[in-house]
Amino acid sequence: MPETVRFELTGEMGEHVYAKDLALAMCGAIGVDGANYQAVEYGGSAVRAMNISQRMTLANMAIEMGGKTGLCEPDDVVDAYLDGRARTPYERVLPRDPQYSRVIEIDASDLQPMVAIPPDPEHLAPANDLGDVAIDQVFVGTCTNGRLDDLEIAAQVLRGRTISSSTRMVVTPASRQVLLQAMERGISRPS
């Protein structure tokens, strides 16, 4: 059984701050090796305010801190998501007396939109601090940014704008279902 790092996430995320920004802040707090071979648990009022998509982003980002797995405390939001999806009946299981290798508290109210700067996600900066930066490639997708709400946010940012001819944009929906929903809503089209 791996040790567990607990992130206690409080406060409310501000405008244009999303679960990915919060995950990057956590990675910046403990580094890319900060949870090596450990489980990463997310809880607190900021997590309880998140939808399933945002919680999935957190869980998937555990790997960026070296974590073996990432999990959010189960609650009614999780139960509603699993309703009709779970193949067998289940019961919520919470540790009776959890022992954490450490607990890190982060107030989501203090966060700004973040940018991970190469070579890895522990090197970050608030997007507003970067000034004018030429962008060669934009990637929206996979398990941390490829759900329907992620694609809707990207479409909203791009609406009425043109991508530079020197910038390549790649969009990879998290699943075929997400692709079909995005096409249905007119925010994606096959290439």
N, C-alpha and C. Protein backbone atom coordinates (compact mmCIF):
# COMPACT_ATOMS: atom_id res chain seq x y z
N MET A 1 0.84 -1.17 0.00
CA MET A 1 0.00 0.00 0.00
C MET A 1 0.89 1.24 0.00
N PRO A 2 0.71 2.11 -1.01
CA PRO A 2 1.56 3.31 -1.05
C PRO A 2 1.16 4.32 0.03
N GLU A 3 2.12 5.13 0.43
CA GLU A 3 1.80 6.25 1.30
C GLU A 3 0.93 7.23 0.52
N THR A 4 0.27 8.13 1.23
CA THR A 4 -0.63 9.07 0.57
C THR A 4 -0.27 10.51 0.93
N VAL A 5 -0.20 11.34 -0.11
CA VAL A 5 -0.06 12.78 0.05
C VAL A 5 -1.46 13.36 -0.07
N ARG A 6 -1.84 14.19 0.87
CA ARG A 6 -3.16 14.81 0.86
C ARG A 6 -3.05 16.29 0.50
N PHE A 7 -3.85 16.72 -0.48
CA PHE A 7 -3.98 18.14 -0.78
C PHE A 7 -5.33 18.60 -0.26
N GLU A 8 -5.29 19.52 0.66
CA GLU A 8 -6.51 20.13 1.21
C GLU A 8 -6.70 21.43 0.45
N LEU A 9 -7.70 21.46 -0.43
CA LEU A 9 -7.91 22.56 -1.35
C LEU A 9 -9.14 23.36 -0.93
N THR A 10 -8.93 24.61 -0.57
CA THR A 10 -10.01 25.44 -0.08
C THR A 10 -10.19 26.65 -0.98
N GLY A 11 -11.18 27.46 -0.67
CA GLY A 11 -11.41 28.70 -1.42
C GLY A 11 -12.13 28.44 -2.72
N GLU A 12 -12.35 29.52 -3.46
CA GLU A 12 -13.03 29.44 -4.75
C GLU A 12 -12.07 29.86 -5.86
N MET A 13 -12.07 29.10 -6.94
CA MET A 13 -11.24 29.45 -8.08
C MET A 13 -11.82 30.68 -8.76
N GLY A 14 -10.96 31.63 -9.11
CA GLY A 14 -11.40 32.87 -9.76
C GLY A 14 -11.69 32.68 -11.23
N GLU A 15 -11.99 33.78 -11.88
CA GLU A 15 -12.30 33.77 -13.30
C GLU A 15 -11.11 33.27 -14.11
N HIS A 16 -11.37 32.39 -15.03
CA HIS A 16 -10.37 31.80 -15.93
C HIS A 16 -9.34 30.94 -15.19
N VAL A 17 -9.66 30.52 -13.98
CA VAL A 17 -8.81 29.59 -13.24
C VAL A 17 -9.56 28.26 -13.21
N TYR A 18 -8.87 27.20 -13.61
CA TYR A 18 -9.50 25.89 -13.75
C TYR A 18 -8.72 24.85 -12.96
N ALA A 19 -9.23 23.63 -12.97
CA ALA A 19 -8.59 22.53 -12.23
C ALA A 19 -7.14 22.34 -12.67
N LYS A 20 -6.85 22.54 -13.94
CA LYS A 20 -5.48 22.38 -14.43
C LYS A 20 -4.55 23.40 -13.77
N ASP A 21 -5.02 24.62 -13.57
CA ASP A 21 -4.21 25.63 -12.88
C ASP A 21 -3.93 25.19 -11.45
N LEU A 22 -4.94 24.64 -10.81
CA LEU A 22 -4.79 24.15 -9.45
C LEU A 22 -3.80 22.98 -9.41
N ALA A 23 -3.91 22.07 -10.37
CA ALA A 23 -2.99 20.93 -10.44
C ALA A 23 -1.55 21.41 -10.68
N LEU A 24 -1.38 22.40 -11.53
CA LEU A 24 -0.03 22.93 -11.76
C LEU A 24 0.52 23.59 -10.50
N ALA A 25 -0.34 24.27 -9.76
CA ALA A 25 0.10 24.88 -8.49
C ALA A 25 0.55 23.81 -7.51
N MET A 26 -0.16 22.68 -7.47
CA MET A 26 0.24 21.58 -6.59
C MET A 26 1.57 21.00 -7.02
N CYS A 27 1.74 20.85 -8.34
CA CYS A 27 3.00 20.33 -8.87
C CYS A 27 4.14 21.30 -8.53
N GLY A 28 3.87 22.58 -8.65
CA GLY A 28 4.88 23.57 -8.29
C GLY A 28 5.22 23.53 -6.81
N ALA A 29 4.22 23.19 -5.98
CA ALA A 29 4.43 23.16 -4.53
C ALA A 29 5.31 21.99 -4.09
N ILE A 30 5.16 20.82 -4.74
CA ILE A 30 5.92 19.65 -4.28
C ILE A 30 6.91 19.12 -5.31
N GLY A 31 6.86 19.61 -6.54
CA GLY A 31 7.80 19.17 -7.57
C GLY A 31 7.34 17.92 -8.30
N VAL A 32 8.03 17.62 -9.38
CA VAL A 32 7.65 16.48 -10.21
C VAL A 32 7.95 15.14 -9.55
N ASP A 33 8.75 15.14 -8.48
CA ASP A 33 9.04 13.91 -7.74
C ASP A 33 8.43 13.92 -6.35
N GLY A 34 7.61 14.91 -6.06
CA GLY A 34 7.09 15.10 -4.71
C GLY A 34 6.17 14.02 -4.19
N ALA A 35 5.58 13.25 -5.08
CA ALA A 35 4.68 12.17 -4.66
C ALA A 35 5.12 10.83 -5.24
N ASN A 36 6.42 10.68 -5.50
CA ASN A 36 6.92 9.44 -6.09
C ASN A 36 6.41 8.21 -5.36
N TYR A 37 5.83 7.30 -6.14
CA TYR A 37 5.32 6.02 -5.64
C TYR A 37 4.28 6.18 -4.54
N GLN A 38 3.58 7.32 -4.52
CA GLN A 38 2.55 7.56 -3.52
C GLN A 38 1.20 7.78 -4.20
N ALA A 39 0.15 7.65 -3.41
CA ALA A 39 -1.18 8.04 -3.86
C ALA A 39 -1.32 9.53 -3.57
N VAL A 40 -2.10 10.22 -4.38
CA VAL A 40 -2.37 11.63 -4.16
C VAL A 40 -3.88 11.77 -3.96
N GLU A 41 -4.24 12.30 -2.81
CA GLU A 41 -5.66 12.46 -2.46
C GLU A 41 -6.01 13.95 -2.46
N TYR A 42 -7.15 14.28 -3.05
CA TYR A 42 -7.61 15.66 -3.12
C TYR A 42 -8.91 15.79 -2.34
N GLY A 43 -8.98 16.80 -1.48
CA GLY A 43 -10.20 17.04 -0.73
C GLY A 43 -10.30 18.50 -0.36
N GLY A 44 -11.39 18.85 0.30
CA GLY A 44 -11.60 20.22 0.74
C GLY A 44 -12.71 20.88 -0.05
N SER A 45 -13.07 22.08 0.36
CA SER A 45 -14.21 22.79 -0.22
C SER A 45 -14.03 23.08 -1.72
N ALA A 46 -12.83 23.33 -2.16
CA ALA A 46 -12.61 23.61 -3.59
C ALA A 46 -12.88 22.37 -4.43
N VAL A 47 -12.55 21.20 -3.93
CA VAL A 47 -12.83 19.96 -4.66
C VAL A 47 -14.33 19.68 -4.66
N ARG A 48 -14.97 19.88 -3.51
CA ARG A 48 -16.41 19.63 -3.44
C ARG A 48 -17.20 20.54 -4.39
N ALA A 49 -16.65 21.69 -4.74
CA ALA A 49 -17.31 22.61 -5.67
C ALA A 49 -17.07 22.23 -7.13
N MET A 50 -16.19 21.29 -7.40
CA MET A 50 -15.84 20.92 -8.77
C MET A 50 -16.82 19.90 -9.36
N ASN A 51 -16.96 19.97 -10.70
CA ASN A 51 -17.71 18.94 -11.39
C ASN A 51 -16.78 17.73 -11.63
N ILE A 52 -17.33 16.69 -12.19
CA ILE A 52 -16.55 15.46 -12.42
C ILE A 52 -15.38 15.71 -13.36
N SER A 53 -15.59 16.47 -14.41
CA SER A 53 -14.52 16.74 -15.36
C SER A 53 -13.31 17.37 -14.67
N GLN A 54 -13.56 18.35 -13.83
CA GLN A 54 -12.47 19.01 -13.11
C GLN A 54 -11.78 18.03 -12.17
N ARG A 55 -12.54 17.19 -11.51
CA ARG A 55 -11.96 16.19 -10.60
C ARG A 55 -11.11 15.19 -11.37
N MET A 56 -11.55 14.84 -12.57
CA MET A 56 -10.75 13.92 -13.40
C MET A 56 -9.42 14.55 -13.78
N THR A 57 -9.44 15.85 -14.04
CA THR A 57 -8.20 16.55 -14.35
C THR A 57 -7.23 16.43 -13.17
N LEU A 58 -7.72 16.69 -11.96
CA LEU A 58 -6.86 16.55 -10.78
C LEU A 58 -6.29 15.13 -10.68
N ALA A 59 -7.19 14.15 -10.77
CA ALA A 59 -6.75 12.76 -10.63
C ALA A 59 -5.70 12.40 -11.67
N ASN A 60 -5.91 12.82 -12.90
CA ASN A 60 -4.96 12.51 -13.97
C ASN A 60 -3.63 13.23 -13.83
N MET A 61 -3.63 14.36 -13.17
CA MET A 61 -2.38 15.13 -13.01
C MET A 61 -1.50 14.60 -11.88
N ALA A 62 -1.97 13.63 -11.11
CA ALA A 62 -1.14 13.06 -10.04
C ALA A 62 0.19 12.53 -10.61
N ILE A 63 0.15 12.02 -11.81
CA ILE A 63 1.35 11.46 -12.43
C ILE A 63 2.43 12.54 -12.61
N GLU A 64 2.02 13.78 -12.79
CA GLU A 64 2.98 14.87 -12.98
C GLU A 64 3.77 15.17 -11.71
N MET A 65 3.30 14.63 -10.58
CA MET A 65 4.02 14.79 -9.31
C MET A 65 4.68 13.48 -8.90
N GLY A 66 4.67 12.50 -9.80
CA GLY A 66 5.25 11.20 -9.50
C GLY A 66 4.28 10.24 -8.86
N GLY A 67 3.02 10.65 -8.69
CA GLY A 67 2.03 9.80 -8.02
C GLY A 67 1.66 8.57 -8.81
N LYS A 68 1.35 7.52 -8.09
CA LYS A 68 0.89 6.27 -8.71
C LYS A 68 -0.59 6.33 -9.05
N THR A 69 -1.34 7.09 -8.24
CA THR A 69 -2.77 7.25 -8.47
C THR A 69 -3.22 8.56 -7.86
N GLY A 70 -4.30 9.09 -8.38
CA GLY A 70 -4.89 10.30 -7.83
C GLY A 70 -6.36 10.05 -7.59
N LEU A 71 -6.86 10.53 -6.46
CA LEU A 71 -8.28 10.31 -6.17
C LEU A 71 -8.85 11.48 -5.40
N CYS A 72 -10.12 11.73 -5.66
CA CYS A 72 -10.87 12.77 -4.95
C CYS A 72 -11.82 12.09 -3.99
N GLU A 73 -12.07 12.75 -2.86
CA GLU A 73 -13.00 12.18 -1.90
C GLU A 73 -14.36 11.96 -2.58
N PRO A 74 -14.95 10.79 -2.38
CA PRO A 74 -16.27 10.54 -2.99
C PRO A 74 -17.35 11.34 -2.27
N ASP A 75 -18.36 11.76 -3.05
CA ASP A 75 -19.48 12.50 -2.50
C ASP A 75 -20.67 12.33 -3.44
N ASP A 76 -21.71 13.15 -3.27
CA ASP A 76 -22.91 13.04 -4.09
C ASP A 76 -22.64 13.32 -5.57
N VAL A 77 -21.66 14.18 -5.87
CA VAL A 77 -21.31 14.47 -7.27
C VAL A 77 -20.78 13.20 -7.94
N VAL A 78 -19.94 12.46 -7.22
CA VAL A 78 -19.41 11.21 -7.75
C VAL A 78 -20.53 10.19 -7.92
N ASP A 79 -21.40 10.08 -6.91
CA ASP A 79 -22.53 9.15 -6.99
C ASP A 79 -23.40 9.45 -8.21
N ALA A 80 -23.69 10.73 -8.46
CA ALA A 80 -24.52 11.11 -9.60
C ALA A 80 -23.84 10.73 -10.91
N TYR A 81 -22.52 10.91 -10.98
CA TYR A 81 -21.78 10.53 -12.19
C TYR A 81 -21.84 9.02 -12.41
N LEU A 82 -21.70 8.26 -11.34
CA LEU A 82 -21.67 6.80 -11.46
C LEU A 82 -23.06 6.19 -11.69
N ASP A 83 -24.11 6.94 -11.38
CA ASP A 83 -25.46 6.44 -11.57
C ASP A 83 -25.67 6.11 -13.05
N GLY A 84 -25.93 4.84 -13.33
CA GLY A 84 -26.11 4.40 -14.70
C GLY A 84 -24.81 3.99 -15.38
N ARG A 85 -23.67 4.27 -14.76
CA ARG A 85 -22.38 3.88 -15.33
C ARG A 85 -21.75 2.70 -14.59
N ALA A 86 -21.96 2.66 -13.27
CA ALA A 86 -21.37 1.57 -12.48
C ALA A 86 -22.00 0.25 -12.90
N ARG A 87 -21.18 -0.73 -13.11
CA ARG A 87 -21.67 -2.04 -13.56
C ARG A 87 -22.21 -2.88 -12.42
N THR A 88 -21.74 -2.62 -11.23
CA THR A 88 -22.21 -3.36 -10.05
C THR A 88 -22.47 -2.36 -8.92
N PRO A 89 -23.31 -2.74 -7.97
CA PRO A 89 -23.54 -1.83 -6.84
C PRO A 89 -22.23 -1.57 -6.09
N TYR A 90 -22.12 -0.42 -5.51
CA TYR A 90 -20.91 -0.06 -4.78
C TYR A 90 -21.30 0.68 -3.51
N GLU A 91 -20.32 0.81 -2.65
CA GLU A 91 -20.50 1.55 -1.41
C GLU A 91 -19.31 2.49 -1.27
N ARG A 92 -19.58 3.71 -0.86
CA ARG A 92 -18.47 4.64 -0.63
C ARG A 92 -17.59 4.11 0.50
N VAL A 93 -16.31 4.13 0.26
CA VAL A 93 -15.36 3.69 1.29
C VAL A 93 -14.42 4.84 1.57
N LEU A 94 -14.37 5.23 2.81
CA LEU A 94 -13.45 6.28 3.25
C LEU A 94 -12.54 5.70 4.32
N PRO A 95 -11.29 6.09 4.35
CA PRO A 95 -10.40 5.58 5.39
C PRO A 95 -10.92 6.00 6.77
N ARG A 96 -10.85 5.08 7.72
CA ARG A 96 -11.35 5.39 9.07
C ARG A 96 -10.42 6.34 9.80
N ASP A 97 -9.15 6.10 9.71
CA ASP A 97 -8.16 6.94 10.39
C ASP A 97 -7.00 7.14 9.42
N PRO A 98 -7.20 8.02 8.42
CA PRO A 98 -6.17 8.14 7.39
C PRO A 98 -4.84 8.64 7.95
N GLN A 99 -3.80 8.05 7.44
CA GLN A 99 -2.44 8.46 7.78
C GLN A 99 -1.81 8.99 6.50
N TYR A 100 -1.43 10.24 6.51
CA TYR A 100 -0.84 10.86 5.33
C TYR A 100 0.65 11.08 5.55
N SER A 101 1.42 10.90 4.48
CA SER A 101 2.85 11.20 4.58
C SER A 101 3.04 12.70 4.77
N ARG A 102 2.11 13.47 4.20
CA ARG A 102 2.06 14.91 4.45
C ARG A 102 0.75 15.47 3.91
N VAL A 103 0.38 16.62 4.45
CA VAL A 103 -0.82 17.33 4.02
C VAL A 103 -0.38 18.71 3.56
N ILE A 104 -0.77 19.06 2.33
CA ILE A 104 -0.43 20.37 1.78
C ILE A 104 -1.74 21.13 1.58
N GLU A 105 -1.79 22.33 2.12
CA GLU A 105 -2.98 23.16 1.99
C GLU A 105 -2.75 24.22 0.93
N ILE A 106 -3.74 24.36 0.06
CA ILE A 106 -3.68 25.39 -0.99
C ILE A 106 -5.02 26.09 -1.04
N ASP A 107 -4.98 27.42 -1.03
CA ASP A 107 -6.19 28.22 -1.15
C ASP A 107 -6.37 28.56 -2.63
N ALA A 108 -7.38 27.99 -3.24
CA ALA A 108 -7.63 28.19 -4.67
C ALA A 108 -7.95 29.65 -5.00
N SER A 109 -8.39 30.40 -4.01
CA SER A 109 -8.71 31.82 -4.22
C SER A 109 -7.48 32.64 -4.59
N ASP A 110 -6.30 32.14 -4.21
CA ASP A 110 -5.05 32.86 -4.47
C ASP A 110 -4.48 32.60 -5.86
N LEU A 111 -5.09 31.68 -6.61
CA LEU A 111 -4.50 31.27 -7.89
C LEU A 111 -4.89 32.17 -9.05
N GLN A 112 -3.98 32.21 -10.02
CA GLN A 112 -4.21 32.88 -11.30
C GLN A 112 -4.08 31.81 -12.39
N PRO A 113 -4.51 32.11 -13.61
CA PRO A 113 -4.23 31.17 -14.71
C PRO A 113 -2.72 30.94 -14.80
N MET A 114 -2.32 29.69 -14.88
CA MET A 114 -0.90 29.31 -14.84
C MET A 114 -0.44 28.74 -16.18
N VAL A 115 0.87 28.85 -16.40
CA VAL A 115 1.49 28.26 -17.59
C VAL A 115 2.68 27.43 -17.11
N ALA A 116 2.73 26.17 -17.56
CA ALA A 116 3.90 25.34 -17.29
C ALA A 116 4.96 25.70 -18.32
N ILE A 117 6.16 25.93 -17.83
CA ILE A 117 7.26 26.35 -18.70
C ILE A 117 8.23 25.18 -18.85
N PRO A 118 8.60 24.82 -20.08
CA PRO A 118 9.52 23.69 -20.25
C PRO A 118 10.76 23.86 -19.38
N PRO A 119 11.30 22.77 -18.87
CA PRO A 119 11.13 21.41 -19.35
C PRO A 119 10.08 20.57 -18.62
N ASP A 120 9.52 21.03 -17.49
CA ASP A 120 8.54 20.20 -16.80
C ASP A 120 7.53 21.05 -16.05
N PRO A 121 6.44 20.43 -15.58
CA PRO A 121 5.33 21.19 -14.99
C PRO A 121 5.61 21.83 -13.65
N GLU A 122 6.73 21.56 -13.01
CA GLU A 122 6.99 22.25 -11.74
C GLU A 122 7.54 23.66 -11.97
N HIS A 123 7.93 23.95 -13.20
CA HIS A 123 8.38 25.30 -13.56
C HIS A 123 7.17 26.03 -14.12
N LEU A 124 6.62 26.95 -13.34
CA LEU A 124 5.42 27.64 -13.79
C LEU A 124 5.49 29.12 -13.54
N ALA A 125 4.56 29.78 -14.19
CA ALA A 125 4.43 31.22 -14.00
C ALA A 125 2.98 31.59 -14.27
N PRO A 126 2.51 32.63 -13.60
CA PRO A 126 1.18 33.14 -13.95
C PRO A 126 1.19 33.61 -15.40
N ALA A 127 0.15 33.31 -16.14
CA ALA A 127 0.08 33.68 -17.56
C ALA A 127 0.27 35.18 -17.75
N ASN A 128 -0.25 35.98 -16.85
CA ASN A 128 -0.12 37.44 -16.99
C ASN A 128 1.31 37.93 -16.86
N ASP A 129 2.19 37.14 -16.25
CA ASP A 129 3.58 37.55 -16.07
C ASP A 129 4.45 37.29 -17.29
N LEU A 130 3.94 36.58 -18.28
CA LEU A 130 4.77 36.16 -19.40
C LEU A 130 4.90 37.20 -20.51
N GLY A 131 4.01 38.17 -20.56
CA GLY A 131 4.09 39.17 -21.62
C GLY A 131 3.79 38.56 -22.98
N ASP A 132 4.34 39.14 -24.02
CA ASP A 132 4.13 38.64 -25.38
C ASP A 132 5.07 37.47 -25.64
N VAL A 133 4.50 36.33 -25.95
CA VAL A 133 5.28 35.13 -26.23
C VAL A 133 4.79 34.55 -27.55
N ALA A 134 5.72 34.29 -28.45
CA ALA A 134 5.36 33.63 -29.71
C ALA A 134 5.03 32.18 -29.40
N ILE A 135 3.91 31.72 -29.92
CA ILE A 135 3.47 30.35 -29.64
C ILE A 135 3.56 29.55 -30.94
N ASP A 136 4.33 28.46 -30.90
CA ASP A 136 4.49 27.61 -32.07
C ASP A 136 3.36 26.58 -32.16
N GLN A 137 2.95 26.06 -31.00
CA GLN A 137 1.95 24.99 -31.01
C GLN A 137 1.05 25.09 -29.79
N VAL A 138 -0.22 24.84 -30.02
CA VAL A 138 -1.23 24.78 -28.96
C VAL A 138 -1.80 23.37 -28.97
N PHE A 139 -1.88 22.78 -27.79
CA PHE A 139 -2.42 21.43 -27.69
C PHE A 139 -3.55 21.43 -26.66
N VAL A 140 -4.73 21.05 -27.09
CA VAL A 140 -5.89 20.92 -26.21
C VAL A 140 -6.33 19.47 -26.31
N GLY A 141 -6.31 18.77 -25.18
CA GLY A 141 -6.80 17.40 -25.27
C GLY A 141 -6.23 16.45 -24.26
N THR A 142 -6.42 15.21 -24.52
CA THR A 142 -6.07 14.05 -23.72
C THR A 142 -6.84 14.01 -22.40
N CYS A 143 -6.29 13.32 -21.43
CA CYS A 143 -7.00 13.07 -20.18
C CYS A 143 -7.09 14.27 -19.27
N THR A 144 -6.27 15.30 -19.47
CA THR A 144 -6.33 16.45 -18.56
C THR A 144 -6.99 17.68 -19.18
N ASN A 145 -7.21 17.72 -20.45
CA ASN A 145 -7.86 18.88 -21.07
C ASN A 145 -8.72 18.50 -22.28
N GLY A 146 -9.21 17.31 -22.35
CA GLY A 146 -9.93 16.88 -23.54
C GLY A 146 -11.39 16.56 -23.34
N ARG A 147 -11.96 16.95 -22.21
CA ARG A 147 -13.38 16.70 -22.00
C ARG A 147 -14.20 17.82 -22.63
N LEU A 148 -15.50 17.62 -22.73
CA LEU A 148 -16.36 18.55 -23.43
C LEU A 148 -16.25 19.96 -22.88
N ASP A 149 -16.25 20.13 -21.58
CA ASP A 149 -16.17 21.49 -21.04
C ASP A 149 -14.83 22.14 -21.37
N ASP A 150 -13.75 21.36 -21.47
CA ASP A 150 -12.45 21.91 -21.88
C ASP A 150 -12.51 22.43 -23.32
N LEU A 151 -13.14 21.64 -24.19
CA LEU A 151 -13.25 22.05 -25.59
C LEU A 151 -14.15 23.29 -25.72
N GLU A 152 -15.19 23.36 -24.89
CA GLU A 152 -16.07 24.53 -24.91
C GLU A 152 -15.31 25.79 -24.46
N ILE A 153 -14.46 25.66 -23.44
CA ILE A 153 -13.66 26.80 -22.97
C ILE A 153 -12.71 27.25 -24.07
N ALA A 154 -12.04 26.31 -24.71
CA ALA A 154 -11.10 26.66 -25.80
C ALA A 154 -11.85 27.35 -26.95
N ALA A 155 -13.03 26.83 -27.29
CA ALA A 155 -13.82 27.43 -28.37
C ALA A 155 -14.24 28.85 -28.00
N GLN A 156 -14.59 29.06 -26.74
CA GLN A 156 -14.98 30.39 -26.28
C GLN A 156 -13.80 31.37 -26.38
N VAL A 157 -12.62 30.92 -26.00
CA VAL A 157 -11.43 31.78 -26.09
C VAL A 157 -11.13 32.13 -27.55
N LEU A 158 -11.32 31.18 -28.45
CA LEU A 158 -10.96 31.38 -29.86
C LEU A 158 -12.05 32.07 -30.67
N ARG A 159 -13.27 32.09 -30.17
CA ARG A 159 -14.39 32.66 -30.92
C ARG A 159 -14.07 34.08 -31.38
N GLY A 160 -14.20 34.29 -32.71
CA GLY A 160 -13.96 35.61 -33.28
C GLY A 160 -12.49 35.93 -33.50
N ARG A 161 -11.62 34.98 -33.21
CA ARG A 161 -10.19 35.21 -33.38
C ARG A 161 -9.65 34.29 -34.48
N THR A 162 -8.46 34.59 -34.95
CA THR A 162 -7.79 33.78 -35.95
C THR A 162 -6.47 33.28 -35.37
N ILE A 163 -6.17 32.02 -35.61
CA ILE A 163 -4.90 31.45 -35.17
C ILE A 163 -3.84 31.84 -36.20
N SER A 164 -2.70 32.27 -35.71
CA SER A 164 -1.61 32.67 -36.60
C SER A 164 -1.23 31.52 -37.52
N SER A 165 -0.85 31.87 -38.74
CA SER A 165 -0.44 30.84 -39.71
C SER A 165 0.84 30.14 -39.26
N SER A 166 1.58 30.72 -38.32
CA SER A 166 2.81 30.10 -37.82
C SER A 166 2.55 29.25 -36.56
N THR A 167 1.29 29.14 -36.16
CA THR A 167 0.94 28.36 -34.97
C THR A 167 0.14 27.13 -35.38
N ARG A 168 0.56 26.01 -34.88
CA ARG A 168 -0.16 24.76 -35.12
C ARG A 168 -1.04 24.49 -33.91
N MET A 169 -2.31 24.17 -34.14
CA MET A 169 -3.22 23.84 -33.05
C MET A 169 -3.70 22.42 -33.21
N VAL A 170 -3.52 21.63 -32.16
CA VAL A 170 -3.94 20.23 -32.15
C VAL A 170 -5.01 20.07 -31.07
N VAL A 171 -6.13 19.48 -31.45
CA VAL A 171 -7.20 19.22 -30.50
C VAL A 171 -7.47 17.73 -30.49
N THR A 172 -7.35 17.12 -29.31
CA THR A 172 -7.54 15.68 -29.16
C THR A 172 -8.58 15.42 -28.08
N PRO A 173 -9.83 15.21 -28.46
CA PRO A 173 -10.86 14.93 -27.45
C PRO A 173 -10.50 13.67 -26.65
N ALA A 174 -10.95 13.66 -25.40
CA ALA A 174 -10.61 12.56 -24.49
C ALA A 174 -11.24 11.24 -24.92
N SER A 175 -12.32 11.29 -25.68
CA SER A 175 -12.98 10.05 -26.11
C SER A 175 -13.79 10.32 -27.37
N ARG A 176 -14.22 9.27 -27.99
CA ARG A 176 -15.08 9.39 -29.17
C ARG A 176 -16.39 10.07 -28.79
N GLN A 177 -16.91 9.75 -27.62
CA GLN A 177 -18.15 10.36 -27.15
C GLN A 177 -17.99 11.88 -27.04
N VAL A 178 -16.86 12.34 -26.50
CA VAL A 178 -16.61 13.77 -26.38
C VAL A 178 -16.52 14.41 -27.76
N LEU A 179 -15.86 13.75 -28.70
CA LEU A 179 -15.76 14.26 -30.06
C LEU A 179 -17.15 14.43 -30.67
N LEU A 180 -17.99 13.41 -30.53
CA LEU A 180 -19.34 13.48 -31.10
C LEU A 180 -20.17 14.57 -30.45
N GLN A 181 -20.05 14.73 -29.13
CA GLN A 181 -20.79 15.80 -28.44
C GLN A 181 -20.30 17.17 -28.90
N ALA A 182 -18.99 17.31 -29.07
CA ALA A 182 -18.43 18.59 -29.52
C ALA A 182 -18.91 18.91 -30.94
N MET A 183 -18.96 17.92 -31.79
CA MET A 183 -19.45 18.12 -33.15
C MET A 183 -20.93 18.50 -33.13
N GLU A 184 -21.68 17.83 -32.28
CA GLU A 184 -23.11 18.10 -32.14
C GLU A 184 -23.37 19.55 -31.72
N ARG A 185 -22.51 20.07 -30.85
CA ARG A 185 -22.66 21.44 -30.35
C ARG A 185 -22.00 22.47 -31.26
N GLY A 186 -21.34 21.99 -32.31
CA GLY A 186 -20.73 22.91 -33.27
C GLY A 186 -19.42 23.52 -32.82
N ILE A 187 -18.76 22.89 -31.85
CA ILE A 187 -17.47 23.44 -31.40
C ILE A 187 -16.28 22.65 -31.93
N SER A 188 -16.57 21.64 -32.71
CA SER A 188 -15.48 20.84 -33.30
C SER A 188 -15.97 20.30 -34.63
N ARG A 189 -15.03 20.10 -35.51
CA ARG A 189 -15.36 19.47 -36.79
C ARG A 189 -14.20 18.55 -37.15
N PRO A 190 -14.50 17.46 -37.82
CA PRO A 190 -13.41 16.54 -38.19
C PRO A 190 -12.46 17.22 -39.18
N SER A 191 -11.18 16.83 -39.07
CA SER A 191 -10.19 17.43 -40.00
C SER A 191 -9.95 16.51 -41.17
